[in-house]
Amino acid sequence: MTESTAPIPPAPAPPSANAGWAVAALLFFWPLSFSAFTHAFSVYPLWASGNVAGAQYASDRVRRLGQLSLWIFGGLLLLFAVLYAIFLVVLISQGDGMFYHHGFDHGYRGD
């Protein structure tokens, strides 16, 4: 008696842990890095236990958190630049004597 055995399909490769995105989250907006590293460290255990969909979700979540941290950093940097420009405009427009224009004292009449 011969048993017909169907070939076992190869297991899919584990998804990337996206550790680089977790590091980006750490560098650019550290509060998101806790969740990013937690998901990154759970990718392989989920895949090894057979939960391929969960491992893929964890991998995608790490990438999304890293990208979100970059967007938040960019937004905060833009906000800082706008507020700094407003501060400089207000400071210069006040003309409180801190800035000398070409070395001339505008209050001196030459009498």
N, C-alpha and C. Protein backbone atom coordinates (compact mmCIF):
# COMPACT_ATOMS: atom_id res chain seq x y z
N MET A 1 0.83 -1.17 0.00
CA MET A 1 0.00 0.00 0.00
C MET A 1 0.88 1.23 0.00
N THR A 2 0.57 2.03 -0.89
CA THR A 2 1.32 3.28 -0.97
C THR A 2 0.42 4.41 -0.51
N GLU A 3 1.01 5.22 0.26
CA GLU A 3 0.27 6.40 0.73
C GLU A 3 0.69 7.58 -0.12
N SER A 4 -0.29 8.29 -0.58
CA SER A 4 0.04 9.47 -1.36
C SER A 4 0.12 10.65 -0.38
N THR A 5 1.23 11.24 -0.38
CA THR A 5 1.42 12.40 0.50
C THR A 5 1.57 13.64 -0.37
N ALA A 6 0.79 14.58 -0.05
CA ALA A 6 0.88 15.85 -0.78
C ALA A 6 2.09 16.62 -0.26
N PRO A 7 2.78 17.26 -1.16
CA PRO A 7 3.94 18.04 -0.69
C PRO A 7 3.48 19.15 0.25
N ILE A 8 4.22 19.32 1.30
CA ILE A 8 3.91 20.37 2.28
C ILE A 8 4.44 21.68 1.73
N PRO A 9 3.56 22.68 1.64
CA PRO A 9 4.04 23.96 1.14
C PRO A 9 5.04 24.58 2.12
N PRO A 10 6.03 25.24 1.59
CA PRO A 10 7.02 25.85 2.48
C PRO A 10 6.37 26.96 3.31
N ALA A 11 6.86 27.06 4.52
CA ALA A 11 6.34 28.11 5.42
C ALA A 11 6.78 29.47 4.89
N PRO A 12 5.90 30.45 4.99
CA PRO A 12 6.31 31.79 4.52
C PRO A 12 7.44 32.33 5.39
N ALA A 13 8.24 33.13 4.76
CA ALA A 13 9.36 33.75 5.49
C ALA A 13 8.80 34.71 6.54
N PRO A 14 9.50 34.85 7.64
CA PRO A 14 9.00 35.78 8.65
C PRO A 14 9.04 37.22 8.12
N PRO A 15 8.06 38.02 8.48
CA PRO A 15 8.10 39.42 8.04
C PRO A 15 9.23 40.17 8.74
N SER A 16 9.62 41.24 8.14
CA SER A 16 10.69 42.05 8.71
C SER A 16 10.23 42.63 10.04
N ALA A 17 11.14 42.71 10.99
CA ALA A 17 10.80 43.30 12.29
C ALA A 17 10.78 44.82 12.22
N ASN A 18 11.32 45.38 11.13
CA ASN A 18 11.37 46.84 10.96
C ASN A 18 12.00 47.54 12.15
N ALA A 19 13.12 47.00 12.60
CA ALA A 19 13.81 47.58 13.75
C ALA A 19 14.31 48.99 13.45
N GLY A 20 14.61 49.26 12.20
CA GLY A 20 15.05 50.61 11.83
C GLY A 20 13.98 51.66 12.09
N TRP A 21 12.73 51.29 11.82
CA TRP A 21 11.63 52.21 12.11
C TRP A 21 11.45 52.39 13.60
N ALA A 22 11.71 51.34 14.37
CA ALA A 22 11.61 51.47 15.83
C ALA A 22 12.69 52.43 16.35
N VAL A 23 13.88 52.34 15.77
CA VAL A 23 14.95 53.26 16.15
C VAL A 23 14.60 54.69 15.73
N ALA A 24 13.98 54.84 14.55
CA ALA A 24 13.54 56.17 14.12
C ALA A 24 12.53 56.74 15.12
N ALA A 25 11.64 55.89 15.61
CA ALA A 25 10.67 56.35 16.61
C ALA A 25 11.39 56.78 17.88
N LEU A 26 12.43 56.06 18.25
CA LEU A 26 13.20 56.40 19.45
C LEU A 26 13.90 57.75 19.28
N LEU A 27 14.47 57.98 18.11
CA LEU A 27 15.23 59.21 17.88
C LEU A 27 14.36 60.44 17.68
N PHE A 28 13.24 60.29 17.00
CA PHE A 28 12.47 61.46 16.61
C PHE A 28 11.27 61.77 17.49
N PHE A 29 10.66 60.76 18.12
CA PHE A 29 9.56 61.01 19.04
C PHE A 29 9.49 59.81 19.98
N TRP A 30 10.27 59.88 21.05
CA TRP A 30 10.51 58.71 21.90
C TRP A 30 9.27 58.12 22.55
N PRO A 31 8.19 58.85 22.82
CA PRO A 31 7.04 58.16 23.43
C PRO A 31 6.47 57.04 22.56
N LEU A 32 6.59 57.15 21.26
CA LEU A 32 6.10 56.08 20.38
C LEU A 32 7.05 54.90 20.32
N SER A 33 8.28 55.08 20.77
CA SER A 33 9.27 54.00 20.66
C SER A 33 8.93 52.81 21.56
N PHE A 34 8.26 53.05 22.68
CA PHE A 34 7.91 51.93 23.56
C PHE A 34 7.02 50.94 22.83
N SER A 35 6.00 51.45 22.18
CA SER A 35 5.09 50.58 21.43
C SER A 35 5.79 49.99 20.21
N ALA A 36 6.62 50.78 19.54
CA ALA A 36 7.31 50.30 18.35
C ALA A 36 8.25 49.15 18.68
N PHE A 37 9.03 49.28 19.74
CA PHE A 37 9.95 48.19 20.10
C PHE A 37 9.19 46.96 20.60
N THR A 38 8.09 47.18 21.30
CA THR A 38 7.29 46.04 21.76
C THR A 38 6.77 45.24 20.57
N HIS A 39 6.26 45.94 19.56
CA HIS A 39 5.78 45.24 18.36
C HIS A 39 6.94 44.60 17.60
N ALA A 40 8.09 45.29 17.53
CA ALA A 40 9.23 44.73 16.79
C ALA A 40 9.73 43.44 17.44
N PHE A 41 9.75 43.42 18.77
CA PHE A 41 10.22 42.22 19.45
C PHE A 41 9.21 41.09 19.43
N SER A 42 7.97 41.37 19.06
CA SER A 42 6.96 40.31 19.02
C SER A 42 6.78 39.71 17.64
N VAL A 43 7.45 40.23 16.63
CA VAL A 43 7.27 39.72 15.26
C VAL A 43 7.72 38.27 15.17
N TYR A 44 8.95 37.96 15.56
CA TYR A 44 9.44 36.59 15.41
C TYR A 44 8.69 35.59 16.30
N PRO A 45 8.43 35.89 17.58
CA PRO A 45 7.67 34.92 18.37
C PRO A 45 6.29 34.63 17.80
N LEU A 46 5.63 35.63 17.27
CA LEU A 46 4.32 35.41 16.65
C LEU A 46 4.45 34.52 15.42
N TRP A 47 5.46 34.79 14.60
CA TRP A 47 5.66 34.00 13.41
C TRP A 47 6.04 32.56 13.76
N ALA A 48 6.90 32.40 14.76
CA ALA A 48 7.34 31.06 15.15
C ALA A 48 6.19 30.24 15.73
N SER A 49 5.22 30.89 16.34
CA SER A 49 4.08 30.16 16.90
C SER A 49 3.02 29.87 15.84
N GLY A 50 3.23 30.33 14.63
CA GLY A 50 2.29 30.05 13.54
C GLY A 50 1.32 31.16 13.26
N ASN A 51 1.38 32.22 13.99
CA ASN A 51 0.47 33.36 13.79
C ASN A 51 1.11 34.32 12.79
N VAL A 52 1.03 33.94 11.51
CA VAL A 52 1.66 34.73 10.46
C VAL A 52 0.96 36.08 10.31
N ALA A 53 -0.36 36.09 10.41
CA ALA A 53 -1.10 37.35 10.27
C ALA A 53 -0.76 38.30 11.42
N GLY A 54 -0.63 37.78 12.63
CA GLY A 54 -0.26 38.62 13.77
C GLY A 54 1.15 39.17 13.63
N ALA A 55 2.06 38.34 13.10
CA ALA A 55 3.43 38.81 12.89
C ALA A 55 3.48 39.89 11.84
N GLN A 56 2.69 39.74 10.78
CA GLN A 56 2.65 40.76 9.73
C GLN A 56 2.04 42.05 10.27
N TYR A 57 1.00 41.93 11.10
CA TYR A 57 0.39 43.11 11.70
C TYR A 57 1.41 43.84 12.59
N ALA A 58 2.15 43.09 13.41
CA ALA A 58 3.15 43.71 14.29
C ALA A 58 4.23 44.41 13.46
N SER A 59 4.64 43.78 12.37
CA SER A 59 5.65 44.38 11.51
C SER A 59 5.13 45.67 10.87
N ASP A 60 3.91 45.63 10.38
CA ASP A 60 3.32 46.82 9.77
C ASP A 60 3.14 47.94 10.80
N ARG A 61 2.80 47.54 12.01
CA ARG A 61 2.58 48.53 13.08
C ARG A 61 3.89 49.24 13.45
N VAL A 62 4.99 48.51 13.47
CA VAL A 62 6.30 49.13 13.76
C VAL A 62 6.62 50.17 12.70
N ARG A 63 6.41 49.79 11.43
CA ARG A 63 6.69 50.72 10.34
C ARG A 63 5.80 51.96 10.45
N ARG A 64 4.55 51.76 10.75
CA ARG A 64 3.61 52.90 10.85
C ARG A 64 3.98 53.81 12.03
N LEU A 65 4.37 53.24 13.16
CA LEU A 65 4.76 54.06 14.31
C LEU A 65 6.03 54.86 14.02
N GLY A 66 6.97 54.25 13.31
CA GLY A 66 8.19 54.97 12.93
C GLY A 66 7.89 56.13 12.00
N GLN A 67 7.01 55.90 11.03
CA GLN A 67 6.64 56.96 10.12
C GLN A 67 5.86 58.06 10.85
N LEU A 68 5.00 57.66 11.75
CA LEU A 68 4.24 58.64 12.53
C LEU A 68 5.17 59.50 13.38
N SER A 69 6.20 58.90 13.94
CA SER A 69 7.15 59.69 14.74
C SER A 69 7.87 60.72 13.88
N LEU A 70 8.19 60.36 12.63
CA LEU A 70 8.82 61.33 11.74
C LEU A 70 7.87 62.47 11.40
N TRP A 71 6.61 62.16 11.16
CA TRP A 71 5.63 63.20 10.87
C TRP A 71 5.43 64.13 12.06
N ILE A 72 5.37 63.57 13.24
CA ILE A 72 5.21 64.39 14.44
C ILE A 72 6.42 65.29 14.63
N PHE A 73 7.62 64.73 14.45
CA PHE A 73 8.84 65.52 14.58
C PHE A 73 8.86 66.65 13.56
N GLY A 74 8.48 66.36 12.32
CA GLY A 74 8.44 67.39 11.29
C GLY A 74 7.45 68.48 11.62
N GLY A 75 6.28 68.09 12.14
CA GLY A 75 5.28 69.08 12.53
C GLY A 75 5.75 69.95 13.68
N LEU A 76 6.39 69.34 14.67
CA LEU A 76 6.92 70.11 15.79
C LEU A 76 8.05 71.04 15.36
N LEU A 77 8.88 70.56 14.44
CA LEU A 77 9.96 71.39 13.92
C LEU A 77 9.41 72.58 13.15
N LEU A 78 8.39 72.35 12.35
CA LEU A 78 7.75 73.43 11.60
C LEU A 78 7.10 74.44 12.55
N LEU A 79 6.43 73.94 13.58
CA LEU A 79 5.82 74.83 14.57
C LEU A 79 6.87 75.67 15.28
N PHE A 80 8.00 75.05 15.64
CA PHE A 80 9.09 75.78 16.27
C PHE A 80 9.63 76.87 15.35
N ALA A 81 9.80 76.55 14.07
CA ALA A 81 10.33 77.53 13.12
C ALA A 81 9.38 78.72 12.96
N VAL A 82 8.09 78.45 12.90
CA VAL A 82 7.11 79.53 12.76
C VAL A 82 7.09 80.40 14.01
N LEU A 83 7.08 79.78 15.18
CA LEU A 83 7.08 80.56 16.42
C LEU A 83 8.37 81.35 16.58
N TYR A 84 9.49 80.79 16.18
CA TYR A 84 10.76 81.50 16.26
C TYR A 84 10.78 82.70 15.32
N ALA A 85 10.22 82.52 14.11
CA ALA A 85 10.16 83.64 13.16
C ALA A 85 9.26 84.75 13.71
N ILE A 86 8.14 84.37 14.31
CA ILE A 86 7.25 85.38 14.91
C ILE A 86 7.96 86.10 16.05
N PHE A 87 8.71 85.36 16.86
CA PHE A 87 9.46 85.97 17.95
C PHE A 87 10.48 86.97 17.42
N LEU A 88 11.20 86.61 16.37
CA LEU A 88 12.19 87.53 15.80
C LEU A 88 11.55 88.77 15.21
N VAL A 89 10.42 88.61 14.54
CA VAL A 89 9.73 89.76 13.96
C VAL A 89 9.28 90.71 15.07
N VAL A 90 8.71 90.17 16.13
CA VAL A 90 8.27 91.01 17.24
C VAL A 90 9.47 91.69 17.90
N LEU A 91 10.53 90.95 18.11
CA LEU A 91 11.72 91.51 18.76
C LEU A 91 12.33 92.63 17.94
N ILE A 92 12.45 92.43 16.65
CA ILE A 92 13.05 93.44 15.79
C ILE A 92 12.13 94.65 15.64
N SER A 93 10.83 94.42 15.56
CA SER A 93 9.90 95.54 15.37
C SER A 93 9.79 96.41 16.62
N GLN A 94 10.13 95.88 17.78
CA GLN A 94 10.08 96.69 19.00
C GLN A 94 11.21 97.70 19.05
N GLY A 95 12.37 97.35 18.51
CA GLY A 95 13.49 98.28 18.46
C GLY A 95 13.86 98.82 19.83
N ASP A 96 14.14 97.97 20.77
CA ASP A 96 14.38 98.40 22.14
C ASP A 96 15.83 98.80 22.39
N GLY A 97 16.60 99.07 21.35
CA GLY A 97 17.97 99.53 21.53
C GLY A 97 18.98 98.40 21.61
N MET A 98 18.54 97.17 21.54
CA MET A 98 19.50 96.06 21.58
C MET A 98 20.25 95.93 20.26
N PHE A 99 19.60 96.35 19.19
CA PHE A 99 20.21 96.23 17.88
C PHE A 99 20.63 97.61 17.39
N TYR A 100 21.89 97.75 17.04
CA TYR A 100 22.38 99.00 16.49
C TYR A 100 22.41 98.86 14.98
N HIS A 101 21.82 99.81 14.31
CA HIS A 101 21.75 99.74 12.86
C HIS A 101 22.95 100.46 12.26
N HIS A 102 23.87 99.73 11.78
CA HIS A 102 25.08 100.23 11.12
C HIS A 102 25.89 101.16 12.01
N GLY A 103 25.83 101.00 13.31
CA GLY A 103 26.65 101.77 14.22
C GLY A 103 26.13 103.15 14.54
N PHE A 104 24.98 103.52 14.05
CA PHE A 104 24.44 104.86 14.30
C PHE A 104 23.48 104.81 15.47
N ASP A 105 23.57 105.81 16.32
CA ASP A 105 22.62 105.96 17.41
C ASP A 105 21.55 106.94 16.93
N HIS A 106 20.34 106.50 16.76
CA HIS A 106 19.29 107.33 16.18
C HIS A 106 18.85 108.44 17.13
N GLY A 107 19.18 108.37 18.40
CA GLY A 107 18.79 109.41 19.33
C GLY A 107 19.78 110.58 19.38
N TYR A 108 20.92 110.46 18.78
CA TYR A 108 21.96 111.49 18.81
C TYR A 108 21.70 112.50 17.69
N ARG A 109 21.64 113.80 18.07
CA ARG A 109 21.31 114.85 17.10
C ARG A 109 22.55 115.64 16.68
N GLY A 110 23.65 115.50 17.34
CA GLY A 110 24.85 116.20 16.94
C GLY A 110 24.97 117.61 17.49
N ASP A 111 24.19 118.01 18.48
CA ASP A 111 24.24 119.37 19.03
C ASP A 111 25.41 119.58 19.92
